[in-house]
């Protein structure tokens, strides 16, 4: 089946926006299915007139899911939440939502289903609620749509990201940069633009069905090295200090009562685990994509945290 139209759930999010842009660049018609259409309005400029359509959809309302999928030949699930709040729970969004999408896609006769997951879902013994929800989501998707393609990226960076921007903000104001525990857990950051290209690439390759792609950037860092990279990028000299994971989890627990927590108990747990692609697993190379190094992108959006701001020409790039 030739793919002409794709429905992207969660298209207004950080990763979803990159996916929508990549699909539009390939000339595909894109339906952006979101709860709050006003958040997706800027995406209309990512394509030609009429190429990108915004649709209101709620993962708890099956009819809205079916309506968003109707007429599309492919569905991409980029819906996700970084923390739980109100009715937005991991179980409801990551698991039940993914299951409902996959079942609706199968019922509609959709040719391809692409599910955005994350590295770390191989830690099946983990008690981390976020990881558990990601594992359950993958299982639910495969059960409902056996030919689904799963993309597991490492930590994703780019303008508007969470980890690098937050760390730069801390480095610009605090006397030191904290890392969880020893800071020696490993991570393989992925540029959000590359992830968008990967989602578009799998749709162009029928052979990628029933495949799990582990997507990591060109270099593996420890979190201490990430902190040092951020400090170098913004031209600041601060000590990098390890904070016991137990203390950070307590802080994360209480931070969850804030409207937008800077870190949560579950996120602290993730920062103690390696987040790298397994050797030999299909990745960017299998899709013909050369991943972009963090050093090439970070200066383009972290420069506002330099001493004197982004127009300080004397700060290191």
C-alpha atoms as a PDB file:
ATOM      1  CA  UNK A   1       0.000   0.000   0.000  1.00  0.00           C
ATOM      2  CA  UNK A   2       1.362   3.394  -1.003  1.00  0.00           C
ATOM      3  CA  UNK A   3       1.547   5.803   1.929  1.00  0.00           C
ATOM      4  CA  UNK A   4       0.166   9.225   1.120  1.00  0.00           C
ATOM      5  CA  UNK A   5      -1.284  10.373   4.434  1.00  0.00           C
ATOM      6  CA  UNK A   6       0.038   9.856   7.965  1.00  0.00           C
ATOM      7  CA  UNK A   7      -1.655  10.527  11.293  1.00  0.00           C
ATOM      8  CA  UNK A   8       0.736  11.634  14.048  1.00  0.00           C
ATOM      9  CA  UNK A   9      -0.534  11.434  17.615  1.00  0.00           C
ATOM     10  CA  UNK A  10       1.298  13.770  19.967  1.00  0.00           C
ATOM     11  CA  UNK A  11       2.399  15.884  17.027  1.00  0.00           C
ATOM     12  CA  UNK A  12       2.519  19.098  19.070  1.00  0.00           C
ATOM     13  CA  UNK A  13       5.185  17.738  21.423  1.00  0.00           C
ATOM     14  CA  UNK A  14       8.944  18.185  21.265  1.00  0.00           C
ATOM     15  CA  UNK A  15       9.524  14.976  19.276  1.00  0.00           C
ATOM     16  CA  UNK A  16       6.198  15.052  17.474  1.00  0.00           C
ATOM     17  CA  UNK A  17       6.928  18.435  15.896  1.00  0.00           C
ATOM     18  CA  UNK A  18      10.177  17.119  14.405  1.00  0.00           C
ATOM     19  CA  UNK A  19       8.354  14.092  13.003  1.00  0.00           C
ATOM     20  CA  UNK A  20       5.652  16.246  11.405  1.00  0.00           C
ATOM     21  CA  UNK A  21       8.290  18.450   9.754  1.00  0.00           C
ATOM     22  CA  UNK A  22      10.179  15.432   8.419  1.00  0.00           C
ATOM     23  CA  UNK A  23       7.016  13.886   6.971  1.00  0.00           C
ATOM     24  CA  UNK A  24       6.034  17.189   5.345  1.00  0.00           C
ATOM     25  CA  UNK A  25       9.463  17.453   3.747  1.00  0.00           C
ATOM     26  CA  UNK A  26       8.819  14.047   2.165  1.00  0.00           C
ATOM     27  CA  UNK A  27       5.662  15.423   0.566  1.00  0.00           C
ATOM     28  CA  UNK A  28       3.236  13.412   2.690  1.00  0.00           C
ATOM     29  CA  UNK A  29      -0.115  14.675   3.907  1.00  0.00           C
ATOM     30  CA  UNK A  30      -0.008  14.855   7.693  1.00  0.00           C
ATOM     31  CA  UNK A  31      -2.793  14.791  10.244  1.00  0.00           C
ATOM     32  CA  UNK A  32      -1.670  16.080  13.625  1.00  0.00           C
ATOM     33  CA  UNK A  33      -3.875  14.515  16.297  1.00  0.00           C
ATOM     34  CA  UNK A  34      -3.667  16.401  19.614  1.00  0.00           C
ATOM     35  CA  UNK A  35      -5.783  17.205  22.663  1.00  0.00           C
ATOM     36  CA  UNK A  36      -5.128  20.933  22.401  1.00  0.00           C
ATOM     37  CA  UNK A  37      -5.172  22.123  18.801  1.00  0.00           C
ATOM     38  CA  UNK A  38      -3.943  25.612  19.726  1.00  0.00           C
ATOM     39  CA  UNK A  39      -0.562  24.142  20.715  1.00  0.00           C
ATOM     40  CA  UNK A  40      -0.133  22.683  17.226  1.00  0.00           C
ATOM     41  CA  UNK A  41      -1.103  25.783  15.217  1.00  0.00           C
ATOM     42  CA  UNK A  42       2.549  26.759  14.427  1.00  0.00           C
ATOM     43  CA  UNK A  43       3.005  23.403  12.661  1.00  0.00           C
ATOM     44  CA  UNK A  44       0.830  24.529   9.768  1.00  0.00           C
ATOM     45  CA  UNK A  45       3.806  26.460   8.422  1.00  0.00           C
ATOM     46  CA  UNK A  46       5.907  23.270   8.243  1.00  0.00           C
ATOM     47  CA  UNK A  47       4.242  22.274   4.975  1.00  0.00           C
ATOM     48  CA  UNK A  48       2.427  23.661   1.956  1.00  0.00           C
ATOM     49  CA  UNK A  49      -1.099  25.032   2.224  1.00  0.00           C
ATOM     50  CA  UNK A  50      -3.423  22.178   3.162  1.00  0.00           C
ATOM     51  CA  UNK A  51      -0.611  19.658   3.650  1.00  0.00           C
ATOM     52  CA  UNK A  52      -0.870  19.629   7.448  1.00  0.00           C
ATOM     53  CA  UNK A  53      -4.267  19.222   9.103  1.00  0.00           C
ATOM     54  CA  UNK A  54      -4.873  19.610  12.821  1.00  0.00           C
ATOM     55  CA  UNK A  55      -7.382  17.293  14.482  1.00  0.00           C
ATOM     56  CA  UNK A  56      -8.610  17.182  18.059  1.00  0.00           C
ATOM     57  CA  UNK A  57      -8.176  13.719  19.565  1.00  0.00           C
ATOM     58  CA  UNK A  58      -8.256  12.395  23.108  1.00  0.00           C
ATOM     59  CA  UNK A  59      -6.653   9.039  23.854  1.00  0.00           C
ATOM     60  CA  UNK A  60      -9.454   8.315  26.314  1.00  0.00           C
ATOM     61  CA  UNK A  61     -12.106   8.764  23.592  1.00  0.00           C
ATOM     62  CA  UNK A  62     -11.978   5.894  21.050  1.00  0.00           C
ATOM     63  CA  UNK A  63     -14.184   7.716  18.539  1.00  0.00           C
ATOM     64  CA  UNK A  64     -11.744  10.615  18.325  1.00  0.00           C
ATOM     65  CA  UNK A  65      -8.859   8.209  17.726  1.00  0.00           C
ATOM     66  CA  UNK A  66     -10.718   6.442  14.936  1.00  0.00           C
ATOM     67  CA  UNK A  67     -11.699   9.758  13.355  1.00  0.00           C
ATOM     68  CA  UNK A  68      -8.096  10.971  13.324  1.00  0.00           C
ATOM     69  CA  UNK A  69      -6.902   7.740  11.699  1.00  0.00           C
ATOM     70  CA  UNK A  70      -9.646   7.423   9.074  1.00  0.00           C
ATOM     71  CA  UNK A  71      -8.159   7.809   5.592  1.00  0.00           C
ATOM     72  CA  UNK A  72      -4.514   7.515   6.651  1.00  0.00           C
ATOM     73  CA  UNK A  73      -2.258   4.701   5.518  1.00  0.00           C
ATOM     74  CA  UNK A  74       0.170   5.072   8.439  1.00  0.00           C
ATOM     75  CA  UNK A  75      -0.006   6.061  12.096  1.00  0.00           C
ATOM     76  CA  UNK A  76       2.829   7.322  14.288  1.00  0.00           C
ATOM     77  CA  UNK A  77       2.459   7.397  18.054  1.00  0.00           C
ATOM     78  CA  UNK A  78       4.604  10.167  19.528  1.00  0.00           C
ATOM     79  CA  UNK A  79       2.294  10.804  22.483  1.00  0.00           C
ATOM     80  CA  UNK A  80       3.916  10.736  25.897  1.00  0.00           C
ATOM     81  CA  UNK A  81       4.199  12.547  29.219  1.00  0.00           C
ATOM     82  CA  UNK A  82       7.356  13.268  31.264  1.00  0.00           C
ATOM     83  CA  UNK A  83       5.485  13.157  34.581  1.00  0.00           C
ATOM     84  CA  UNK A  84       2.037  12.241  35.905  1.00  0.00           C
ATOM     85  CA  UNK A  85      -0.559  14.871  36.683  1.00  0.00           C
ATOM     86  CA  UNK A  86      -4.329  14.537  37.208  1.00  0.00           C
ATOM     87  CA  UNK A  87      -5.828  12.149  34.666  1.00  0.00           C
ATOM     88  CA  UNK A  88      -2.638  12.215  32.628  1.00  0.00           C
ATOM     89  CA  UNK A  89      -1.096   9.040  34.043  1.00  0.00           C
ATOM     90  CA  UNK A  90       1.564   6.772  32.566  1.00  0.00           C
ATOM     91  CA  UNK A  91      -0.937   3.924  32.375  1.00  0.00           C
ATOM     92  CA  UNK A  92      -3.545   6.062  30.636  1.00  0.00           C
ATOM     93  CA  UNK A  93      -1.273   7.772  28.101  1.00  0.00           C
ATOM     94  CA  UNK A  94       1.645   5.416  27.494  1.00  0.00           C
ATOM     95  CA  UNK A  95      -0.144   2.080  27.794  1.00  0.00           C
ATOM     96  CA  UNK A  96      -3.894   2.414  27.289  1.00  0.00           C
ATOM     97  CA  UNK A  97      -3.426   5.208  24.744  1.00  0.00           C
ATOM     98  CA  UNK A  98      -0.929   3.243  22.670  1.00  0.00           C
ATOM     99  CA  UNK A  99      -3.140   0.155  22.816  1.00  0.00           C
ATOM    100  CA  UNK A 100      -6.185   2.130  21.662  1.00  0.00           C
ATOM    101  CA  UNK A 101      -4.239   3.663  18.760  1.00  0.00           C
ATOM    102  CA  UNK A 102      -2.841   0.329  17.604  1.00  0.00           C
ATOM    103  CA  UNK A 103      -6.236  -1.374  17.783  1.00  0.00           C
ATOM    104  CA  UNK A 104      -7.895   1.479  15.888  1.00  0.00           C
ATOM    105  CA  UNK A 105      -5.157   1.399  13.240  1.00  0.00           C
ATOM    106  CA  UNK A 106      -5.599  -2.331  12.730  1.00  0.00           C
ATOM    107  CA  UNK A 107      -9.387  -1.971  12.516  1.00  0.00           C
ATOM    108  CA  UNK A 108      -8.989   0.794   9.912  1.00  0.00           C
ATOM    109  CA  UNK A 109      -6.709  -1.342   7.744  1.00  0.00           C
ATOM    110  CA  UNK A 110      -3.706   0.952   8.229  1.00  0.00           C
ATOM    111  CA  UNK A 111      -0.552  -0.378   6.533  1.00  0.00           C
ATOM    112  CA  UNK A 112       2.091   0.880   8.988  1.00  0.00           C
ATOM    113  CA  UNK A 113       2.192   1.699  12.694  1.00  0.00           C
ATOM    114  CA  UNK A 114       5.261   3.363  14.228  1.00  0.00           C
ATOM    115  CA  UNK A 115       5.563   3.580  17.996  1.00  0.00           C
ATOM    116  CA  UNK A 116       7.973   5.947  19.785  1.00  0.00           C
ATOM    117  CA  UNK A 117       9.377   4.251  22.860  1.00  0.00           C
ATOM    118  CA  UNK A 118      12.778   4.715  24.465  1.00  0.00           C
ATOM    119  CA  UNK A 119      16.026   3.010  25.309  1.00  0.00           C
ATOM    120  CA  UNK A 120      15.819   1.360  28.693  1.00  0.00           C
ATOM    121  CA  UNK A 121      12.795  -0.806  27.962  1.00  0.00           C
ATOM    122  CA  UNK A 122      15.129  -3.801  28.184  1.00  0.00           C
ATOM    123  CA  UNK A 123      15.298  -3.147  31.968  1.00  0.00           C
ATOM    124  CA  UNK A 124      12.225  -5.319  32.515  1.00  0.00           C
ATOM    125  CA  UNK A 125      13.058  -5.926  36.172  1.00  0.00           C
ATOM    126  CA  UNK A 126      13.076  -2.192  36.895  1.00  0.00           C
ATOM    127  CA  UNK A 127      10.522  -0.866  39.393  1.00  0.00           C
ATOM    128  CA  UNK A 128      10.654   2.569  37.774  1.00  0.00           C
ATOM    129  CA  UNK A 129       7.070   3.486  36.894  1.00  0.00           C
ATOM    130  CA  UNK A 130       8.097   5.332  33.728  1.00  0.00           C
ATOM    131  CA  UNK A 131      10.100   2.373  32.409  1.00  0.00           C
ATOM    132  CA  UNK A 132       7.352  -0.059  33.348  1.00  0.00           C
ATOM    133  CA  UNK A 133       4.836   1.970  31.356  1.00  0.00           C
ATOM    134  CA  UNK A 134       7.106   2.051  28.308  1.00  0.00           C
ATOM    135  CA  UNK A 135       7.573  -1.725  28.452  1.00  0.00           C
ATOM    136  CA  UNK A 136       3.840  -2.304  28.805  1.00  0.00           C
ATOM    137  CA  UNK A 137       3.175   0.084  25.907  1.00  0.00           C
ATOM    138  CA  UNK A 138       5.490  -1.823  23.573  1.00  0.00           C
ATOM    139  CA  UNK A 139       3.851  -5.108  24.539  1.00  0.00           C
ATOM    140  CA  UNK A 140       0.376  -3.678  23.984  1.00  0.00           C
ATOM    141  CA  UNK A 141       1.293  -2.234  20.575  1.00  0.00           C
ATOM    142  CA  UNK A 142       2.840  -5.472  19.293  1.00  0.00           C
ATOM    143  CA  UNK A 143      -0.142  -7.491  20.545  1.00  0.00           C
ATOM    144  CA  UNK A 144      -2.605  -5.205  18.744  1.00  0.00           C
ATOM    145  CA  UNK A 145      -0.531  -4.457  15.626  1.00  0.00           C
ATOM    146  CA  UNK A 146       2.054  -7.267  15.131  1.00  0.00           C
ATOM    147  CA  UNK A 147       3.837  -5.567  12.216  1.00  0.00           C
ATOM    148  CA  UNK A 148       4.471  -2.362  14.172  1.00  0.00           C
ATOM    149  CA  UNK A 149       7.854  -0.647  13.994  1.00  0.00           C
ATOM    150  CA  UNK A 150       9.271   0.539  17.326  1.00  0.00           C
ATOM    151  CA  UNK A 151      11.766   3.375  17.659  1.00  0.00           C
ATOM    152  CA  UNK A 152      13.766   3.493  20.899  1.00  0.00           C
ATOM    153  CA  UNK A 153      15.791   6.718  21.094  1.00  0.00           C
ATOM    154  CA  UNK A 154      18.239   7.640  23.815  1.00  0.00           C
ATOM    155  CA  UNK A 155      17.876  11.072  25.457  1.00  0.00           C
ATOM    156  CA  UNK A 156      16.679  13.478  22.758  1.00  0.00           C
ATOM    157  CA  UNK A 157      18.151  16.976  22.431  1.00  0.00           C
ATOM    158  CA  UNK A 158      17.436  20.069  20.392  1.00  0.00           C
ATOM    159  CA  UNK A 159      15.857  23.519  20.841  1.00  0.00           C
ATOM    160  CA  UNK A 160      13.215  23.213  23.542  1.00  0.00           C
ATOM    161  CA  UNK A 161      14.617  20.020  25.052  1.00  0.00           C
ATOM    162  CA  UNK A 162      14.502  19.164  28.737  1.00  0.00           C
ATOM    163  CA  UNK A 163      17.860  17.804  29.838  1.00  0.00           C
ATOM    164  CA  UNK A 164      20.408  20.101  28.176  1.00  0.00           C
ATOM    165  CA  UNK A 165      18.383  23.296  28.569  1.00  0.00           C
ATOM    166  CA  UNK A 166      17.665  22.557  32.231  1.00  0.00           C
ATOM    167  CA  UNK A 167      21.305  21.722  32.941  1.00  0.00           C
ATOM    168  CA  UNK A 168      22.459  24.935  31.236  1.00  0.00           C
ATOM    169  CA  UNK A 169      20.005  26.977  33.291  1.00  0.00           C
ATOM    170  CA  UNK A 170      21.359  25.417  36.485  1.00  0.00           C
ATOM    171  CA  UNK A 171      24.944  25.978  35.374  1.00  0.00           C
ATOM    172  CA  UNK A 172      24.190  29.645  34.688  1.00  0.00           C
ATOM    173  CA  UNK A 173      22.739  30.360  38.135  1.00  0.00           C
ATOM    174  CA  UNK A 174      23.899  27.763  40.681  1.00  0.00           C
ATOM    175  CA  UNK A 175      27.372  27.544  42.265  1.00  0.00           C
ATOM    176  CA  UNK A 176      27.777  23.982  40.965  1.00  0.00           C
ATOM    177  CA  UNK A 177      26.212  21.532  38.529  1.00  0.00           C
ATOM    178  CA  UNK A 178      24.678  18.480  40.226  1.00  0.00           C
ATOM    179  CA  UNK A 179      24.681  14.991  38.730  1.00  0.00           C
ATOM    180  CA  UNK A 180      22.896  11.977  40.171  1.00  0.00           C
ATOM    181  CA  UNK A 181      25.106   9.618  42.149  1.00  0.00           C
ATOM    182  CA  UNK A 182      28.541   9.212  40.624  1.00  0.00           C
ATOM    183  CA  UNK A 183      27.380  10.670  37.315  1.00  0.00           C
ATOM    184  CA  UNK A 184      29.026   7.769  35.522  1.00  0.00           C
ATOM    185  CA  UNK A 185      25.867   6.314  33.956  1.00  0.00           C
ATOM    186  CA  UNK A 186      26.131   6.460  30.160  1.00  0.00           C
ATOM    187  CA  UNK A 187      23.901   8.210  27.659  1.00  0.00           C
ATOM    188  CA  UNK A 188      23.919   8.503  23.853  1.00  0.00           C
ATOM    189  CA  UNK A 189      22.075  11.759  23.004  1.00  0.00           C
ATOM    190  CA  UNK A 190      19.988  11.871  19.823  1.00  0.00           C
ATOM    191  CA  UNK A 191      19.267  15.046  17.860  1.00  0.00           C
ATOM    192  CA  UNK A 192      15.508  15.520  17.550  1.00  0.00           C
ATOM    193  CA  UNK A 193      15.812  16.298  13.835  1.00  0.00           C
ATOM    194  CA  UNK A 194      17.497  12.941  13.235  1.00  0.00           C
ATOM    195  CA  UNK A 195      14.707  11.186  15.122  1.00  0.00           C
ATOM    196  CA  UNK A 196      12.133  12.891  12.915  1.00  0.00           C
ATOM    197  CA  UNK A 197      14.008  11.713   9.825  1.00  0.00           C
ATOM    198  CA  UNK A 198      14.114   8.169  11.223  1.00  0.00           C
ATOM    199  CA  UNK A 199      10.323   8.108  11.640  1.00  0.00           C
ATOM    200  CA  UNK A 200       9.891   9.230   8.033  1.00  0.00           C
ATOM    201  CA  UNK A 201      12.535   6.792   6.787  1.00  0.00           C
ATOM    202  CA  UNK A 202      10.890   3.682   8.226  1.00  0.00           C
ATOM    203  CA  UNK A 203       7.653   4.522   6.411  1.00  0.00           C
ATOM    204  CA  UNK A 204       9.571   4.612   3.130  1.00  0.00           C
ATOM    205  CA  UNK A 205      11.026   1.143   3.803  1.00  0.00           C
ATOM    206  CA  UNK A 206       8.448  -1.666   4.021  1.00  0.00           C
ATOM    207  CA  UNK A 207      11.146  -4.025   5.281  1.00  0.00           C
ATOM    208  CA  UNK A 208      11.349  -2.080   8.548  1.00  0.00           C
ATOM    209  CA  UNK A 209       7.995  -3.481   9.713  1.00  0.00           C
ATOM    210  CA  UNK A 210       8.234  -5.776  12.761  1.00  0.00           C
ATOM    211  CA  UNK A 211      11.573  -4.171  13.655  1.00  0.00           C
ATOM    212  CA  UNK A 212      12.842  -2.460  16.806  1.00  0.00           C
ATOM    213  CA  UNK A 213      15.358   0.329  16.130  1.00  0.00           C
ATOM    214  CA  UNK A 214      17.654   1.489  18.923  1.00  0.00           C
ATOM    215  CA  UNK A 215      18.646   5.046  18.084  1.00  0.00           C
ATOM    216  CA  UNK A 216      21.690   6.601  19.679  1.00  0.00           C
ATOM    217  CA  UNK A 217      23.821   9.546  18.646  1.00  0.00           C
ATOM    218  CA  UNK A 218      27.403   9.268  17.354  1.00  0.00           C
ATOM    219  CA  UNK A 219      28.998   9.460  20.814  1.00  0.00           C
ATOM    220  CA  UNK A 220      28.442   7.953  24.250  1.00  0.00           C
ATOM    221  CA  UNK A 221      28.948  10.228  27.289  1.00  0.00           C
ATOM    222  CA  UNK A 222      28.727   9.866  31.031  1.00  0.00           C
ATOM    223  CA  UNK A 223      26.473  12.386  32.715  1.00  0.00           C
ATOM    224  CA  UNK A 224      29.584  14.042  34.143  1.00  0.00           C
ATOM    225  CA  UNK A 225      30.861  14.475  30.598  1.00  0.00           C
ATOM    226  CA  UNK A 226      27.482  15.891  29.577  1.00  0.00           C
ATOM    227  CA  UNK A 227      27.741  18.453  32.387  1.00  0.00           C
ATOM    228  CA  UNK A 228      31.266  19.374  31.286  1.00  0.00           C
ATOM    229  CA  UNK A 229      30.080  19.740  27.680  1.00  0.00           C
ATOM    230  CA  UNK A 230      27.269  22.073  28.722  1.00  0.00           C
ATOM    231  CA  UNK A 231      29.635  24.172  30.821  1.00  0.00           C
ATOM    232  CA  UNK A 232      32.078  24.461  27.916  1.00  0.00           C
ATOM    233  CA  UNK A 233      29.273  25.391  25.519  1.00  0.00           C
ATOM    234  CA  UNK A 234      28.056  28.266  27.687  1.00  0.00           C
ATOM    235  CA  UNK A 235      31.562  29.382  28.680  1.00  0.00           C
ATOM    236  CA  UNK A 236      31.251  28.864  32.425  1.00  0.00           C
ATOM    237  CA  UNK A 237      33.474  27.186  34.976  1.00  0.00           C
ATOM    238  CA  UNK A 238      31.594  25.454  37.772  1.00  0.00           C
ATOM    239  CA  UNK A 239      32.343  22.275  39.728  1.00  0.00           C
ATOM    240  CA  UNK A 240      30.352  19.160  38.814  1.00  0.00           C
ATOM    241  CA  UNK A 241      29.245  17.495  42.047  1.00  0.00           C
ATOM    242  CA  UNK A 242      27.582  14.129  42.516  1.00  0.00           C
ATOM    243  CA  UNK A 243      24.484  14.089  44.722  1.00  0.00           C
ATOM    244  CA  UNK A 244      23.409  10.744  46.242  1.00  0.00           C
ATOM    245  CA  UNK A 245      20.538   9.238  44.270  1.00  0.00           C
ATOM    246  CA  UNK A 246      18.563   8.704  47.476  1.00  0.00           C
ATOM    247  CA  UNK A 247      18.585  12.414  48.282  1.00  0.00           C
ATOM    248  CA  UNK A 248      17.696  13.302  44.710  1.00  0.00           C
ATOM    249  CA  UNK A 249      14.740  10.882  44.773  1.00  0.00           C
ATOM    250  CA  UNK A 250      13.426  12.540  47.922  1.00  0.00           C
ATOM    251  CA  UNK A 251      13.756  15.943  46.258  1.00  0.00           C
ATOM    252  CA  UNK A 252      12.074  14.556  43.135  1.00  0.00           C
ATOM    253  CA  UNK A 253       9.179  13.203  45.196  1.00  0.00           C
ATOM    254  CA  UNK A 254       8.418  16.605  46.707  1.00  0.00           C
ATOM    255  CA  UNK A 255       9.047  18.372  43.379  1.00  0.00           C
ATOM    256  CA  UNK A 256       6.158  16.382  41.882  1.00  0.00           C
ATOM    257  CA  UNK A 257       3.756  18.588  43.857  1.00  0.00           C
ATOM    258  CA  UNK A 258       4.864  21.600  41.784  1.00  0.00           C
ATOM    259  CA  UNK A 259       2.862  22.541  38.654  1.00  0.00           C
ATOM    260  CA  UNK A 260       5.878  21.690  36.452  1.00  0.00           C
ATOM    261  CA  UNK A 261       8.403  19.672  38.475  1.00  0.00           C
ATOM    262  CA  UNK A 262      12.057  20.316  37.557  1.00  0.00           C
ATOM    263  CA  UNK A 263      12.736  16.631  38.242  1.00  0.00           C
ATOM    264  CA  UNK A 264      10.695  13.680  39.481  1.00  0.00           C
ATOM    265  CA  UNK A 265      11.377  10.554  41.489  1.00  0.00           C
ATOM    266  CA  UNK A 266      11.145   8.435  38.310  1.00  0.00           C
ATOM    267  CA  UNK A 267      13.462  10.727  36.348  1.00  0.00           C
ATOM    268  CA  UNK A 268      16.138  10.440  39.032  1.00  0.00           C
ATOM    269  CA  UNK A 269      15.966   6.675  38.645  1.00  0.00           C
ATOM    270  CA  UNK A 270      16.461   6.972  34.881  1.00  0.00           C
ATOM    271  CA  UNK A 271      19.617   9.031  35.416  1.00  0.00           C
ATOM    272  CA  UNK A 272      21.244   6.148  37.298  1.00  0.00           C
ATOM    273  CA  UNK A 273      20.856   3.726  34.364  1.00  0.00           C
ATOM    274  CA  UNK A 274      22.832   3.470  31.123  1.00  0.00           C
ATOM    275  CA  UNK A 275      20.829   4.749  28.159  1.00  0.00           C
ATOM    276  CA  UNK A 276      22.747   3.502  25.138  1.00  0.00           C
ATOM    277  CA  UNK A 277      21.961   1.407  22.082  1.00  0.00           C
ATOM    278  CA  UNK A 278      22.933  -2.237  22.244  1.00  0.00           C
ATOM    279  CA  UNK A 279      25.766  -3.239  19.890  1.00  0.00           C
ATOM    280  CA  UNK A 280      24.401  -4.860  16.746  1.00  0.00           C
ATOM    281  CA  UNK A 281      20.845  -3.569  17.168  1.00  0.00           C
ATOM    282  CA  UNK A 282      19.332  -1.890  14.070  1.00  0.00           C
ATOM    283  CA  UNK A 283      19.858   1.846  14.315  1.00  0.00           C
ATOM    284  CA  UNK A 284      20.398   4.989  12.270  1.00  0.00           C
ATOM    285  CA  UNK A 285      22.876   3.261   9.963  1.00  0.00           C
ATOM    286  CA  UNK A 286      20.191   0.791   8.862  1.00  0.00           C
ATOM    287  CA  UNK A 287      18.068   3.761   7.805  1.00  0.00           C
ATOM    288  CA  UNK A 288      20.882   5.534   5.959  1.00  0.00           C
ATOM    289  CA  UNK A 289      21.036   8.360   8.497  1.00  0.00           C
ATOM    290  CA  UNK A 290      24.262   9.809   9.894  1.00  0.00           C
ATOM    291  CA  UNK A 291      23.365  11.037  13.400  1.00  0.00           C
ATOM    292  CA  UNK A 292      24.335  14.556  14.397  1.00  0.00           C
ATOM    293  CA  UNK A 293      26.795  15.216  17.228  1.00  0.00           C
ATOM    294  CA  UNK A 294      25.615  17.192  20.224  1.00  0.00           C
ATOM    295  CA  UNK A 295      28.642  19.504  19.893  1.00  0.00           C
ATOM    296  CA  UNK A 296      27.292  20.706  16.537  1.00  0.00           C
ATOM    297  CA  UNK A 297      23.826  21.625  17.818  1.00  0.00           C
ATOM    298  CA  UNK A 298      24.106  22.715  21.452  1.00  0.00           C
ATOM    299  CA  UNK A 299      25.733  26.108  20.706  1.00  0.00           C
ATOM    300  CA  UNK A 300      22.758  27.045  18.515  1.00  0.00           C
ATOM    301  CA  UNK A 301      20.312  27.135  21.419  1.00  0.00           C
ATOM    302  CA  UNK A 302      22.302  27.120  24.664  1.00  0.00           C
ATOM    303  CA  UNK A 303      24.135  30.328  23.772  1.00  0.00           C
ATOM    304  CA  UNK A 304      21.592  32.376  25.743  1.00  0.00           C
ATOM    305  CA  UNK A 305      23.093  30.931  28.930  1.00  0.00           C
ATOM    306  CA  UNK A 306      26.561  32.341  28.223  1.00  0.00           C
ATOM    307  CA  UNK A 307      28.008  35.017  30.455  1.00  0.00           C
ATOM    308  CA  UNK A 308      26.574  38.209  28.962  1.00  0.00           C
ATOM    309  CA  UNK A 309      23.981  36.321  26.912  1.00  0.00           C
ATOM    310  CA  UNK A 310      23.977  34.928  23.387  1.00  0.00           C
ATOM    311  CA  UNK A 311      25.479  38.075  21.877  1.00  0.00           C
ATOM    312  CA  UNK A 312      28.675  37.753  23.878  1.00  0.00           C
ATOM    313  CA  UNK A 313      31.117  37.056  21.089  1.00  0.00           C
ATOM    314  CA  UNK A 314      33.937  36.201  23.488  1.00  0.00           C
ATOM    315  CA  UNK A 315      32.286  33.112  24.979  1.00  0.00           C
ATOM    316  CA  UNK A 316      33.396  29.772  23.484  1.00  0.00           C
ATOM    317  CA  UNK A 317      31.131  28.301  20.837  1.00  0.00           C
END
